[in-house]
PDB file of N, CA and C in Angstrom:
ATOM      1  N   MET A   1     142.261 109.602  82.068  1.00  0.00           N
ATOM      2  CA  MET A   1     140.888 110.019  81.923  1.00  0.00           C
ATOM      3  C   MET A   1     139.953 108.813  81.956  1.00  0.00           C
ATOM      4  N   GLU A   2     140.378 107.726  81.315  1.00  0.00           N
ATOM      5  CA  GLU A   2     139.549 106.515  81.298  1.00  0.00           C
ATOM      6  C   GLU A   2     139.351 105.960  82.699  1.00  0.00           C
ATOM      7  N   GLU A   3     140.388 106.034  83.505  1.00  0.00           N
ATOM      8  CA  GLU A   3     140.289 105.524  84.874  1.00  0.00           C
ATOM      9  C   GLU A   3     139.261 106.315  85.672  1.00  0.00           C
ATOM     10  N   ALA A   4     139.224 107.613  85.467  1.00  0.00           N
ATOM     11  CA  ALA A   4     138.251 108.450  86.175  1.00  0.00           C
ATOM     12  C   ALA A   4     136.829 108.098  85.743  1.00  0.00           C
ATOM     13  N   GLU A   5     136.641 107.867  84.446  1.00  0.00           N
ATOM     14  CA  GLU A   5     135.316 107.490  83.943  1.00  0.00           C
ATOM     15  C   GLU A   5     134.889 106.137  84.504  1.00  0.00           C
ATOM     16  N   LYS A   6     135.813 105.200  84.564  1.00  0.00           N
ATOM     17  CA  LYS A   6     135.501 103.881  85.118  1.00  0.00           C
ATOM     18  C   LYS A   6     135.127 103.987  86.595  1.00  0.00           C
ATOM     19  N   GLU A   7     135.864 104.817  87.323  1.00  0.00           N
ATOM     20  CA  GLU A   7     135.578 105.001  88.747  1.00  0.00           C
ATOM     21  C   GLU A   7     134.206 105.639  88.945  1.00  0.00           C
ATOM     22  N   LEU A   8     133.873 106.630  88.138  1.00  0.00           N
ATOM     23  CA  LEU A   8     132.555 107.260  88.227  1.00  0.00           C
ATOM     24  C   LEU A   8     131.442 106.268  87.897  1.00  0.00           C
ATOM     25  N   GLU A   9     131.661 105.441  86.898  1.00  0.00           N
ATOM     26  CA  GLU A   9     130.663 104.433  86.529  1.00  0.00           C
ATOM     27  C   GLU A   9     130.494 103.407  87.650  1.00  0.00           C
ATOM     28  N   ARG A  10     131.597 102.997  88.253  1.00  0.00           N
ATOM     29  CA  ARG A  10     131.537 102.040  89.361  1.00  0.00           C
ATOM     30  C   ARG A  10     130.770 102.625  90.539  1.00  0.00           C
ATOM     31  N   ARG A  11     131.062 103.875  90.870  1.00  0.00           N
ATOM     32  CA  ARG A  11     130.362 104.527  91.977  1.00  0.00           C
ATOM     33  C   ARG A  11     128.877 104.699  91.673  1.00  0.00           C
ATOM     34  N   SER A  12     128.576 105.023  90.438  1.00  0.00           N
ATOM     35  CA  SER A  12     127.178 105.194  90.036  1.00  0.00           C
ATOM     36  C   SER A  12     126.409 103.886  90.184  1.00  0.00           C
ATOM     37  N   LYS A  13     127.002 102.785  89.754  1.00  0.00           N
ATOM     38  CA  LYS A  13     126.353 101.474  89.893  1.00  0.00           C
ATOM     39  C   LYS A  13     126.164 101.118  91.363  1.00  0.00           C
ATOM     40  N   PHE A  14     127.169 101.416  92.173  1.00  0.00           N
ATOM     41  CA  PHE A  14     127.086 101.122  93.599  1.00  0.00           C
ATOM     42  C   PHE A  14     125.952 101.913  94.247  1.00  0.00           C
ATOM     43  N   LEU A  15     125.875 103.206  93.943  1.00  0.00           N
ATOM     44  CA  LEU A  15     124.813 104.036  94.512  1.00  0.00           C
ATOM     45  C   LEU A  15     123.440 103.590  94.026  1.00  0.00           C
ATOM     46  N   SER A  16     123.339 103.208  92.773  1.00  0.00           N
ATOM     47  CA  SER A  16     122.061 102.716  92.244  1.00  0.00           C
ATOM     48  C   SER A  16     121.620 101.460  92.972  1.00  0.00           C
ATOM     49  N   SER A  17     122.555 100.558  93.236  1.00  0.00           N
ATOM     50  CA  SER A  17     122.188  99.329  93.945  1.00  0.00           C
ATOM     51  C   SER A  17     121.765  99.635  95.380  1.00  0.00           C
ATOM     52  N   LEU A  18     122.422 100.596  96.030  1.00  0.00           N
ATOM     53  CA  LEU A  18     122.023 100.985  97.384  1.00  0.00           C
ATOM     54  C   LEU A  18     120.612 101.569  97.401  1.00  0.00           C
ATOM     55  N   ILE A  19     120.303 102.399  96.424  1.00  0.00           N
ATOM     56  CA  ILE A  19     118.972 103.005  96.341  1.00  0.00           C
ATOM     57  C   ILE A  19     117.918 101.935  96.120  1.00  0.00           C
ATOM     58  N   GLN A  20     118.197 100.976  95.235  1.00  0.00           N
ATOM     59  CA  GLN A  20     117.232  99.900  94.975  1.00  0.00           C
ATOM     60  C   GLN A  20     117.017  99.049  96.215  1.00  0.00           C
ATOM     61  N   LYS A  21     118.072  98.745  96.949  1.00  0.00           N
ATOM     62  CA  LYS A  21     117.930  97.962  98.180  1.00  0.00           C
ATOM     63  C   LYS A  21     117.079  98.705  99.196  1.00  0.00           C
ATOM     64  N   LYS A  22     117.322 100.007  99.327  1.00  0.00           N
ATOM     65  CA  LYS A  22     116.555 100.803 100.292  1.00  0.00           C
ATOM     66  C   LYS A  22     115.084 100.848  99.897  1.00  0.00           C
ATOM     67  N   LYS A  23     114.800 101.006  98.607  1.00  0.00           N
ATOM     68  CA  LYS A  23     113.409 101.034  98.145  1.00  0.00           C
ATOM     69  C   LYS A  23     112.722  99.704  98.412  1.00  0.00           C
ATOM     70  N   SER A  24     113.415  98.597  98.181  1.00  0.00           N
ATOM     71  CA  SER A  24     112.797  97.288  98.407  1.00  0.00           C
ATOM     72  C   SER A  24     112.530  97.061  99.893  1.00  0.00           C
ATOM     73  N   ILE A  25     113.431  97.523 100.758  1.00  0.00           N
ATOM     74  CA  ILE A  25     113.219  97.391 102.203  1.00  0.00           C
ATOM     75  C   ILE A  25     112.023  98.226 102.634  1.00  0.00           C
ATOM     76  N   GLU A  26     111.920  99.458 102.125  1.00  0.00           N
ATOM     77  CA  GLU A  26     110.784 100.316 102.465  1.00  0.00           C
ATOM     78  C   GLU A  26     109.479  99.704 101.974  1.00  0.00           C
ATOM     79  N   GLN A  27     109.520  99.097 100.795  1.00  0.00           N
ATOM     80  CA  GLN A  27     108.315  98.476 100.243  1.00  0.00           C
ATOM     81  C   GLN A  27     107.902  97.277 101.089  1.00  0.00           C
ATOM     82  N   GLN A  28     108.850  96.476 101.533  1.00  0.00           N
ATOM     83  CA  GLN A  28     108.533  95.322 102.364  1.00  0.00           C
ATOM     84  C   GLN A  28     107.973  95.757 103.707  1.00  0.00           C
ATOM     85  N   GLU A  29     108.509  96.840 104.267  1.00  0.00           N
ATOM     86  CA  GLU A  29     107.997  97.337 105.543  1.00  0.00           C
ATOM     87  C   GLU A  29     106.581  97.863 105.383  1.00  0.00           C
ATOM     88  N   GLY A  30     106.269  98.409 104.215  1.00  0.00           N
ATOM     89  CA  GLY A  30     104.941  98.950 103.966  1.00  0.00           C
ATOM     90  C   GLY A  30     103.879  97.880 103.822  1.00  0.00           C
ATOM     91  N   LEU A  31     104.288  96.655 103.483  1.00  0.00           N
ATOM     92  CA  LEU A  31     103.310  95.581 103.301  1.00  0.00           C
ATOM     93  C   LEU A  31     102.745  95.089 104.625  1.00  0.00           C
ATOM     94  N   LYS A  32     103.538  95.145 105.676  1.00  0.00           N
ATOM     95  CA  LYS A  32     103.130  94.704 107.012  1.00  0.00           C
ATOM     96  C   LYS A  32     102.549  93.289 106.972  1.00  0.00           C
ATOM     97  N   VAL A  33     103.300  92.369 106.411  1.00  0.00           N
ATOM     98  CA  VAL A  33     102.886  90.972 106.318  1.00  0.00           C
ATOM     99  C   VAL A  33     103.512  90.209 107.473  1.00  0.00           C
ATOM    100  N   HIS A  34     102.712  89.406 108.140  1.00  0.00           N
ATOM    101  CA  HIS A  34     103.205  88.596 109.248  1.00  0.00           C
ATOM    102  C   HIS A  34     102.875  87.134 108.977  1.00  0.00           C
ATOM    103  N   VAL A  35     103.841  86.264 109.209  1.00  0.00           N
ATOM    104  CA  VAL A  35     103.626  84.832 109.045  1.00  0.00           C
ATOM    105  C   VAL A  35     103.056  84.288 110.348  1.00  0.00           C
ATOM    106  N   ARG A  36     101.906  83.643 110.256  1.00  0.00           N
ATOM    107  CA  ARG A  36     101.260  83.107 111.449  1.00  0.00           C
ATOM    108  C   ARG A  36     101.734  81.693 111.749  1.00  0.00           C
ATOM    109  N   ALA A  37     101.910  80.899 110.736  1.00  0.00           N
ATOM    110  CA  ALA A  37     102.396  79.529 110.913  1.00  0.00           C
ATOM    111  C   ALA A  37     103.221  79.178 109.684  1.00  0.00           C
ATOM    112  N   CYS A  38     104.202  78.330 109.872  1.00  0.00           N
ATOM    113  CA  CYS A  38     105.088  78.034 108.753  1.00  0.00           C
ATOM    114  C   CYS A  38     105.533  76.582 108.801  1.00  0.00           C
ATOM    115  N   ASP A  39     105.391  75.921 107.677  1.00  0.00           N
ATOM    116  CA  ASP A  39     105.919  74.569 107.567  1.00  0.00           C
ATOM    117  C   ASP A  39     106.674  74.406 106.252  1.00  0.00           C
ATOM    118  N   MET A  40     107.175  75.523 105.709  1.00  0.00           N
ATOM    119  CA  MET A  40     107.951  75.459 104.476  1.00  0.00           C
ATOM    120  C   MET A  40     109.282  76.173 104.677  1.00  0.00           C
ATOM    121  N   PRO A  41     110.292  75.768 103.918  1.00  0.00           N
ATOM    122  CA  PRO A  41     111.615  76.377 104.064  1.00  0.00           C
ATOM    123  C   PRO A  41     111.594  77.869 103.694  1.00  0.00           C
ATOM    124  N   LEU A  42     112.554  78.601 104.224  1.00  0.00           N
ATOM    125  CA  LEU A  42     112.622  80.047 104.029  1.00  0.00           C
ATOM    126  C   LEU A  42     112.704  80.461 102.551  1.00  0.00           C
ATOM    127  N   PRO A  43     113.516  79.815 101.707  1.00  0.00           N
ATOM    128  CA  PRO A  43     113.544  80.230 100.298  1.00  0.00           C
ATOM    129  C   PRO A  43     112.179  80.082  99.618  1.00  0.00           C
ATOM    130  N   LEU A  44     111.457  79.040  99.976  1.00  0.00           N
ATOM    131  CA  LEU A  44     110.132  78.848  99.398  1.00  0.00           C
ATOM    132  C   LEU A  44     109.162  79.910  99.908  1.00  0.00           C
ATOM    133  N   GLN A  45     109.310  80.311 101.170  1.00  0.00           N
ATOM    134  CA  GLN A  45     108.481  81.393 101.717  1.00  0.00           C
ATOM    135  C   GLN A  45     108.748  82.695 100.968  1.00  0.00           C
ATOM    136  N   ASN A  46     110.018  82.997 100.763  1.00  0.00           N
ATOM    137  CA  ASN A  46     110.373  84.224 100.043  1.00  0.00           C
ATOM    138  C   ASN A  46     109.796  84.213  98.639  1.00  0.00           C
ATOM    139  N   HIS A  47     109.870  83.068  97.976  1.00  0.00           N
ATOM    140  CA  HIS A  47     109.305  82.943  96.638  1.00  0.00           C
ATOM    141  C   HIS A  47     107.795  83.155  96.673  1.00  0.00           C
ATOM    142  N   ALA A  48     107.140  82.583  97.661  1.00  0.00           N
ATOM    143  CA  ALA A  48     105.686  82.709  97.777  1.00  0.00           C
ATOM    144  C   ALA A  48     105.281  84.161  98.022  1.00  0.00           C
ATOM    145  N   PHE A  49     105.992  84.856  98.915  1.00  0.00           N
ATOM    146  CA  PHE A  49     105.671  86.261  99.175  1.00  0.00           C
ATOM    147  C   PHE A  49     105.917  87.116  97.938  1.00  0.00           C
ATOM    148  N   HIS A  50     107.012  86.837  97.241  1.00  0.00           N
ATOM    149  CA  HIS A  50     107.323  87.594  96.027  1.00  0.00           C
ATOM    150  C   HIS A  50     106.222  87.396  94.987  1.00  0.00           C
ATOM    151  N   TYR A  51     105.823  86.164  94.769  1.00  0.00           N
ATOM    152  CA  TYR A  51     104.796  85.883  93.772  1.00  0.00           C
ATOM    153  C   TYR A  51     103.454  86.473  94.193  1.00  0.00           C
ATOM    154  N   ALA A  52     103.128  86.391  95.481  1.00  0.00           N
ATOM    155  CA  ALA A  52     101.866  86.957  95.971  1.00  0.00           C
ATOM    156  C   ALA A  52     101.854  88.474  95.780  1.00  0.00           C
ATOM    157  N   ARG A  53     102.986  89.120  96.023  1.00  0.00           N
ATOM    158  CA  ARG A  53     103.072  90.565  95.822  1.00  0.00           C
ATOM    159  C   ARG A  53     102.853  90.913  94.355  1.00  0.00           C
ATOM    160  N   LEU A  54     103.473  90.137  93.452  1.00  0.00           N
ATOM    161  CA  LEU A  54     103.270  90.374  92.022  1.00  0.00           C
ATOM    162  C   LEU A  54     101.803  90.189  91.643  1.00  0.00           C
ATOM    163  N   HIS A  55     101.183  89.169  92.211  1.00  0.00           N
ATOM    164  CA  HIS A  55      99.773  88.901  91.931  1.00  0.00           C
ATOM    165  C   HIS A  55      98.896  90.052  92.427  1.00  0.00           C
ATOM    166  N   LEU A  56      99.183  90.552  93.623  1.00  0.00           N
ATOM    167  CA  LEU A  56      98.413  91.673  94.172  1.00  0.00           C
ATOM    168  C   LEU A  56      98.577  92.933  93.330  1.00  0.00           C
ATOM    169  N   GLU A  57      99.786  93.184  92.876  1.00  0.00           N
ATOM    170  CA  GLU A  57     100.037  94.381  92.077  1.00  0.00           C
ATOM    171  C   GLU A  57      99.369  94.298  90.713  1.00  0.00           C
ATOM    172  N   SER A  58      99.144  93.093  90.203  1.00  0.00           N
ATOM    173  CA  SER A  58      98.538  92.945  88.886  1.00  0.00           C
ATOM    174  C   SER A  58      97.014  93.047  88.924  1.00  0.00           C
ATOM    175  N   LEU A  59      96.418  92.983  90.115  1.00  0.00           N
ATOM    176  CA  LEU A  59      94.963  93.083  90.225  1.00  0.00           C
ATOM    177  C   LEU A  59      94.494  94.497  89.918  1.00  0.00           C
ATOM    178  N   LEU A  60      93.326  94.589  89.321  1.00  0.00           N
ATOM    179  CA  LEU A  60      92.732  95.891  89.068  1.00  0.00           C
ATOM    180  C   LEU A  60      92.237  96.485  90.381  1.00  0.00           C
ATOM    181  N   PRO A  61      92.255  97.799  90.499  1.00  0.00           N
ATOM    182  CA  PRO A  61      91.749  98.423  91.732  1.00  0.00           C
ATOM    183  C   PRO A  61      90.276  98.077  91.953  1.00  0.00           C
ATOM    184  N   GLY A  62      89.953  97.738  93.171  1.00  0.00           N
ATOM    185  CA  GLY A  62      88.567  97.418  93.500  1.00  0.00           C
ATOM    186  C   GLY A  62      88.241  95.940  93.435  1.00  0.00           C
ATOM    187  N   THR A  63      89.143  95.125  92.882  1.00  0.00           N
ATOM    188  CA  THR A  63      88.884  93.686  92.832  1.00  0.00           C
ATOM    189  C   THR A  63      89.438  93.028  94.085  1.00  0.00           C
ATOM    190  N   LYS A  64      88.721  92.017  94.549  1.00  0.00           N
ATOM    191  CA  LYS A  64      89.151  91.310  95.754  1.00  0.00           C
ATOM    192  C   LYS A  64      90.143  90.211  95.390  1.00  0.00           C
ATOM    193  N   LEU A  65      90.992  89.921  96.316  1.00  0.00           N
ATOM    194  CA  LEU A  65      91.955  88.842  96.141  1.00  0.00           C
ATOM    195  C   LEU A  65      91.271  87.516  96.430  1.00  0.00           C
ATOM    196  N   ASP A  66      91.360  86.605  95.500  1.00  0.00           N
ATOM    197  CA  ASP A  66      90.810  85.267  95.694  1.00  0.00           C
ATOM    198  C   ASP A  66      91.951  84.368  96.166  1.00  0.00           C
ATOM    199  N   SER A  67      91.925  83.984  97.437  1.00  0.00           N
ATOM    200  CA  SER A  67      93.037  83.227  98.009  1.00  0.00           C
ATOM    201  C   SER A  67      93.184  81.854  97.358  1.00  0.00           C
ATOM    202  N   LYS A  68      92.063  81.257  96.955  1.00  0.00           N
ATOM    203  CA  LYS A  68      92.144  79.947  96.308  1.00  0.00           C
ATOM    204  C   LYS A  68      92.844  80.071  94.956  1.00  0.00           C
ATOM    205  N   LEU A  69      92.493  81.095  94.192  1.00  0.00           N
ATOM    206  CA  LEU A  69      93.133  81.319  92.901  1.00  0.00           C
ATOM    207  C   LEU A  69      94.624  81.598  93.076  1.00  0.00           C
ATOM    208  N   LEU A  70      94.961  82.379  94.097  1.00  0.00           N
ATOM    209  CA  LEU A  70      96.369  82.664  94.378  1.00  0.00           C
ATOM    210  C   LEU A  70      97.121  81.384  94.731  1.00  0.00           C
ATOM    211  N   ALA A  71      96.521  80.541  95.568  1.00  0.00           N
ATOM    212  CA  ALA A  71      97.172  79.287  95.964  1.00  0.00           C
ATOM    213  C   ALA A  71      97.368  78.369  94.763  1.00  0.00           C
ATOM    214  N   LEU A  72      96.361  78.272  93.911  1.00  0.00           N
ATOM    215  CA  LEU A  72      96.484  77.412  92.730  1.00  0.00           C
ATOM    216  C   LEU A  72      97.545  77.940  91.770  1.00  0.00           C
ATOM    217  N   SER A  73      97.581  79.240  91.555  1.00  0.00           N
ATOM    218  CA  SER A  73      98.586  79.792  90.648  1.00  0.00           C
ATOM    219  C   SER A  73      99.986  79.687  91.244  1.00  0.00           C
ATOM    220  N   LEU A  74     100.101  79.776  92.564  1.00  0.00           N
ATOM    221  CA  LEU A  74     101.399  79.613  93.216  1.00  0.00           C
ATOM    222  C   LEU A  74     101.898  78.181  93.065  1.00  0.00           C
ATOM    223  N   LYS A  75     100.997  77.220  93.155  1.00  0.00           N
ATOM    224  CA  LYS A  75     101.392  75.819  92.970  1.00  0.00           C
ATOM    225  C   LYS A  75     101.912  75.582  91.561  1.00  0.00           C
ATOM    226  N   LYS A  76     101.308  76.255  90.571  1.00  0.00           N
ATOM    227  CA  LYS A  76     101.737  76.078  89.186  1.00  0.00           C
ATOM    228  C   LYS A  76     103.130  76.641  88.960  1.00  0.00           C
ATOM    229  N   VAL A  77     103.474  77.706  89.680  1.00  0.00           N
ATOM    230  CA  VAL A  77     104.765  78.363  89.487  1.00  0.00           C
ATOM    231  C   VAL A  77     105.889  77.567  90.118  1.00  0.00           C
ATOM    232  N   THR A  78     105.648  77.007  91.307  1.00  0.00           N
ATOM    233  CA  THR A  78     106.735  76.336  92.026  1.00  0.00           C
ATOM    234  C   THR A  78     106.985  74.940  91.545  1.00  0.00           C
TER     235      THR A  78
END
């Protein structure tokens, strides 16, 4: 009986991870972000996009994004 419970738990975790991956891919496709020029390594780009997304999500509706403030806060994080 324990083996069956362990197998069900393993499958549940696997399915949960698949669902989370699919949601993150759909969310990234919805952003429609394109890199115009790049002079930084890929891991740093990923970090910058992740942080920018968090910054955008934390803004109140109706407020404009201040690119200078975003750049300064990104420098502080990295």
